[in-house]
Amino acid sequence: MRFHWPSFLLGYGAGIGSAALSTRLRPLALEMATTLYRAADGLAAQLVMKREDLQDLLAEARARARGVVGQPAIH
């Protein structure tokens, strides 16, 4: 296999560029990850609330279907 100088130099340059920019790009990557986690947490909280609303609706429908609504509980 022949040694390809342009590919070697391109890879070497990419490595040097990555090392040089890593200190500058880290804060940006950290901020992006933080924003994504906040969005995911917000979405999860909304899904929990919607699921609870759905469970309440289904519990009320079950109670109506069984004729329990409006009757006093017997202990």
N, C-alpha and C. Protein backbone atom coordinates (compact mmCIF):
# COMPACT_ATOMS: atom_id res chain seq x y z
N MET A 1 0.84 -1.17 0.00
CA MET A 1 0.00 0.00 0.00
C MET A 1 0.90 1.25 0.00
N ARG A 2 0.58 2.17 -0.82
CA ARG A 2 1.37 3.40 -0.93
C ARG A 2 1.00 4.38 0.18
N PHE A 3 2.00 5.10 0.61
CA PHE A 3 1.79 6.15 1.61
C PHE A 3 1.27 7.39 0.88
N HIS A 4 0.15 7.92 1.34
CA HIS A 4 -0.48 9.06 0.68
C HIS A 4 -0.28 10.31 1.52
N TRP A 5 0.68 11.14 1.12
CA TRP A 5 1.06 12.33 1.89
C TRP A 5 -0.09 13.30 2.11
N PRO A 6 -0.92 13.61 1.14
CA PRO A 6 -2.01 14.56 1.40
C PRO A 6 -2.97 14.06 2.49
N SER A 7 -3.27 12.77 2.48
CA SER A 7 -4.15 12.22 3.52
C SER A 7 -3.48 12.30 4.88
N PHE A 8 -2.20 11.99 4.92
CA PHE A 8 -1.45 12.06 6.18
C PHE A 8 -1.46 13.48 6.73
N LEU A 9 -1.17 14.45 5.89
CA LEU A 9 -1.11 15.84 6.33
C LEU A 9 -2.49 16.35 6.74
N LEU A 10 -3.51 15.93 6.02
CA LEU A 10 -4.87 16.33 6.39
C LEU A 10 -5.25 15.76 7.75
N GLY A 11 -4.94 14.51 8.00
CA GLY A 11 -5.23 13.90 9.30
C GLY A 11 -4.42 14.53 10.42
N TYR A 12 -3.17 14.80 10.16
CA TYR A 12 -2.30 15.44 11.15
C TYR A 12 -2.82 16.83 11.48
N GLY A 13 -3.20 17.58 10.45
CA GLY A 13 -3.75 18.92 10.66
C GLY A 13 -5.07 18.89 11.43
N ALA A 14 -5.90 17.91 11.14
CA ALA A 14 -7.17 17.78 11.87
C ALA A 14 -6.91 17.49 13.34
N GLY A 15 -5.91 16.66 13.62
CA GLY A 15 -5.58 16.36 15.01
C GLY A 15 -5.07 17.58 15.75
N ILE A 16 -4.21 18.33 15.12
CA ILE A 16 -3.69 19.56 15.74
C ILE A 16 -4.81 20.57 15.93
N GLY A 17 -5.66 20.71 14.94
CA GLY A 17 -6.78 21.64 15.05
C GLY A 17 -7.75 21.26 16.15
N SER A 18 -8.01 19.97 16.28
CA SER A 18 -8.91 19.50 17.34
C SER A 18 -8.32 19.79 18.71
N ALA A 19 -7.04 19.55 18.87
CA ALA A 19 -6.40 19.80 20.16
C ALA A 19 -6.40 21.28 20.49
N ALA A 20 -6.19 22.11 19.49
CA ALA A 20 -6.14 23.56 19.72
C ALA A 20 -7.52 24.13 20.03
N LEU A 21 -8.53 23.61 19.38
CA LEU A 21 -9.88 24.14 19.56
C LEU A 21 -10.64 23.50 20.72
N SER A 22 -10.14 22.40 21.27
CA SER A 22 -10.89 21.69 22.30
C SER A 22 -11.13 22.56 23.53
N THR A 23 -10.17 23.38 23.91
CA THR A 23 -10.36 24.24 25.08
C THR A 23 -11.38 25.32 24.81
N ARG A 24 -11.50 25.74 23.57
CA ARG A 24 -12.48 26.77 23.24
C ARG A 24 -13.87 26.19 22.98
N LEU A 25 -13.92 24.98 22.49
CA LEU A 25 -15.21 24.37 22.16
C LEU A 25 -15.88 23.70 23.36
N ARG A 26 -15.12 23.39 24.39
CA ARG A 26 -15.69 22.70 25.55
C ARG A 26 -16.82 23.50 26.20
N PRO A 27 -16.67 24.80 26.46
CA PRO A 27 -17.78 25.55 27.05
C PRO A 27 -19.03 25.54 26.17
N LEU A 28 -18.85 25.60 24.87
CA LEU A 28 -19.99 25.55 23.96
C LEU A 28 -20.68 24.19 24.03
N ALA A 29 -19.90 23.13 24.01
CA ALA A 29 -20.47 21.78 24.10
C ALA A 29 -21.17 21.57 25.44
N LEU A 30 -20.60 22.11 26.50
CA LEU A 30 -21.20 22.00 27.82
C LEU A 30 -22.54 22.74 27.88
N GLU A 31 -22.58 23.93 27.30
CA GLU A 31 -23.82 24.71 27.28
C GLU A 31 -24.90 24.01 26.46
N MET A 32 -24.51 23.43 25.32
CA MET A 32 -25.47 22.71 24.49
C MET A 32 -26.02 21.49 25.22
N ALA A 33 -25.16 20.75 25.90
CA ALA A 33 -25.60 19.57 26.65
C ALA A 33 -26.53 19.98 27.79
N THR A 34 -26.20 21.08 28.47
CA THR A 34 -27.04 21.56 29.56
C THR A 34 -28.43 21.93 29.05
N THR A 35 -28.47 22.61 27.92
CA THR A 35 -29.76 22.99 27.33
C THR A 35 -30.57 21.76 26.94
N LEU A 36 -29.92 20.77 26.37
CA LEU A 36 -30.63 19.55 25.99
C LEU A 36 -31.17 18.82 27.22
N TYR A 37 -30.39 18.76 28.30
CA TYR A 37 -30.88 18.11 29.52
C TYR A 37 -32.05 18.87 30.11
N ARG A 38 -32.00 20.20 30.09
CA ARG A 38 -33.12 20.99 30.62
C ARG A 38 -34.38 20.74 29.80
N ALA A 39 -34.23 20.70 28.48
CA ALA A 39 -35.38 20.44 27.62
C ALA A 39 -35.95 19.04 27.86
N ALA A 40 -35.07 18.06 28.01
CA ALA A 40 -35.53 16.69 28.26
C ALA A 40 -36.24 16.59 29.61
N ASP A 41 -35.71 17.27 30.62
CA ASP A 41 -36.36 17.27 31.94
C ASP A 41 -37.72 17.95 31.89
N GLY A 42 -37.82 19.05 31.16
CA GLY A 42 -39.11 19.73 31.01
C GLY A 42 -40.12 18.87 30.29
N LEU A 43 -39.68 18.20 29.24
CA LEU A 43 -40.58 17.32 28.50
C LEU A 43 -41.03 16.15 29.37
N ALA A 44 -40.13 15.59 30.15
CA ALA A 44 -40.48 14.48 31.04
C ALA A 44 -41.51 14.93 32.07
N ALA A 45 -41.35 16.14 32.61
CA ALA A 45 -42.30 16.65 33.59
C ALA A 45 -43.68 16.84 32.96
N GLN A 46 -43.72 17.35 31.74
CA GLN A 46 -45.00 17.53 31.06
C GLN A 46 -45.66 16.18 30.79
N LEU A 47 -44.88 15.19 30.39
CA LEU A 47 -45.44 13.87 30.13
C LEU A 47 -46.01 13.25 31.39
N VAL A 48 -45.35 13.46 32.53
CA VAL A 48 -45.85 12.93 33.80
C VAL A 48 -47.19 13.57 34.13
N MET A 49 -47.30 14.88 33.93
CA MET A 49 -48.56 15.57 34.24
C MET A 49 -49.67 15.10 33.31
N LYS A 50 -49.38 14.94 32.03
CA LYS A 50 -50.39 14.47 31.08
C LYS A 50 -50.82 13.04 31.40
N ARG A 51 -49.86 12.23 31.80
CA ARG A 51 -50.21 10.85 32.16
C ARG A 51 -51.11 10.82 33.38
N GLU A 52 -50.82 11.69 34.36
CA GLU A 52 -51.65 11.75 35.55
C GLU A 52 -53.06 12.23 35.20
N ASP A 53 -53.17 13.21 34.30
CA ASP A 53 -54.48 13.67 33.85
C ASP A 53 -55.26 12.54 33.19
N LEU A 54 -54.57 11.75 32.36
CA LEU A 54 -55.22 10.63 31.69
C LEU A 54 -55.68 9.58 32.70
N GLN A 55 -54.85 9.30 33.71
CA GLN A 55 -55.24 8.34 34.74
C GLN A 55 -56.45 8.83 35.52
N ASP A 56 -56.51 10.12 35.83
CA ASP A 56 -57.67 10.68 36.51
C ASP A 56 -58.92 10.54 35.66
N LEU A 57 -58.79 10.83 34.37
CA LEU A 57 -59.93 10.72 33.46
C LEU A 57 -60.43 9.28 33.40
N LEU A 58 -59.51 8.33 33.28
CA LEU A 58 -59.92 6.93 33.20
C LEU A 58 -60.52 6.43 34.52
N ALA A 59 -60.00 6.92 35.65
CA ALA A 59 -60.57 6.53 36.94
C ALA A 59 -61.99 7.07 37.08
N GLU A 60 -62.23 8.29 36.62
CA GLU A 60 -63.57 8.86 36.67
C GLU A 60 -64.52 8.09 35.75
N ALA A 61 -64.03 7.72 34.56
CA ALA A 61 -64.86 6.95 33.63
C ALA A 61 -65.20 5.59 34.22
N ARG A 62 -64.22 4.95 34.88
CA ARG A 62 -64.47 3.65 35.51
C ARG A 62 -65.51 3.78 36.61
N ALA A 63 -65.38 4.85 37.41
CA ALA A 63 -66.35 5.05 38.49
C ALA A 63 -67.75 5.29 37.94
N ARG A 64 -67.87 6.06 36.86
CA ARG A 64 -69.18 6.28 36.26
C ARG A 64 -69.76 5.00 35.69
N ALA A 65 -68.91 4.20 35.06
CA ALA A 65 -69.38 2.95 34.45
C ALA A 65 -69.88 1.97 35.51
N ARG A 66 -69.30 2.02 36.68
CA ARG A 66 -69.70 1.12 37.75
C ARG A 66 -70.76 1.72 38.66
N GLY A 67 -71.19 2.93 38.34
CA GLY A 67 -72.27 3.57 39.09
C GLY A 67 -71.88 3.99 40.49
N VAL A 68 -70.65 4.35 40.71
CA VAL A 68 -70.17 4.70 42.04
C VAL A 68 -70.21 6.20 42.26
N VAL A 69 -70.35 6.98 41.25
CA VAL A 69 -70.27 8.44 41.37
C VAL A 69 -71.50 8.96 42.12
N GLY A 70 -71.25 9.78 43.12
CA GLY A 70 -72.34 10.43 43.86
C GLY A 70 -72.91 9.59 44.98
N GLN A 71 -72.45 8.37 45.16
CA GLN A 71 -72.95 7.54 46.25
C GLN A 71 -72.00 7.59 47.41
N PRO A 72 -72.52 7.66 48.64
CA PRO A 72 -71.61 7.68 49.79
C PRO A 72 -70.89 6.35 49.95
N ALA A 73 -69.70 6.44 50.45
CA ALA A 73 -68.90 5.24 50.67
C ALA A 73 -69.43 4.49 51.89
N ILE A 74 -69.53 3.19 51.79
CA ILE A 74 -69.99 2.35 52.90
C ILE A 74 -68.78 1.71 53.56
N HIS A 75 -68.65 1.93 54.85
CA HIS A 75 -67.50 1.39 55.58
C HIS A 75 -67.91 0.19 56.36
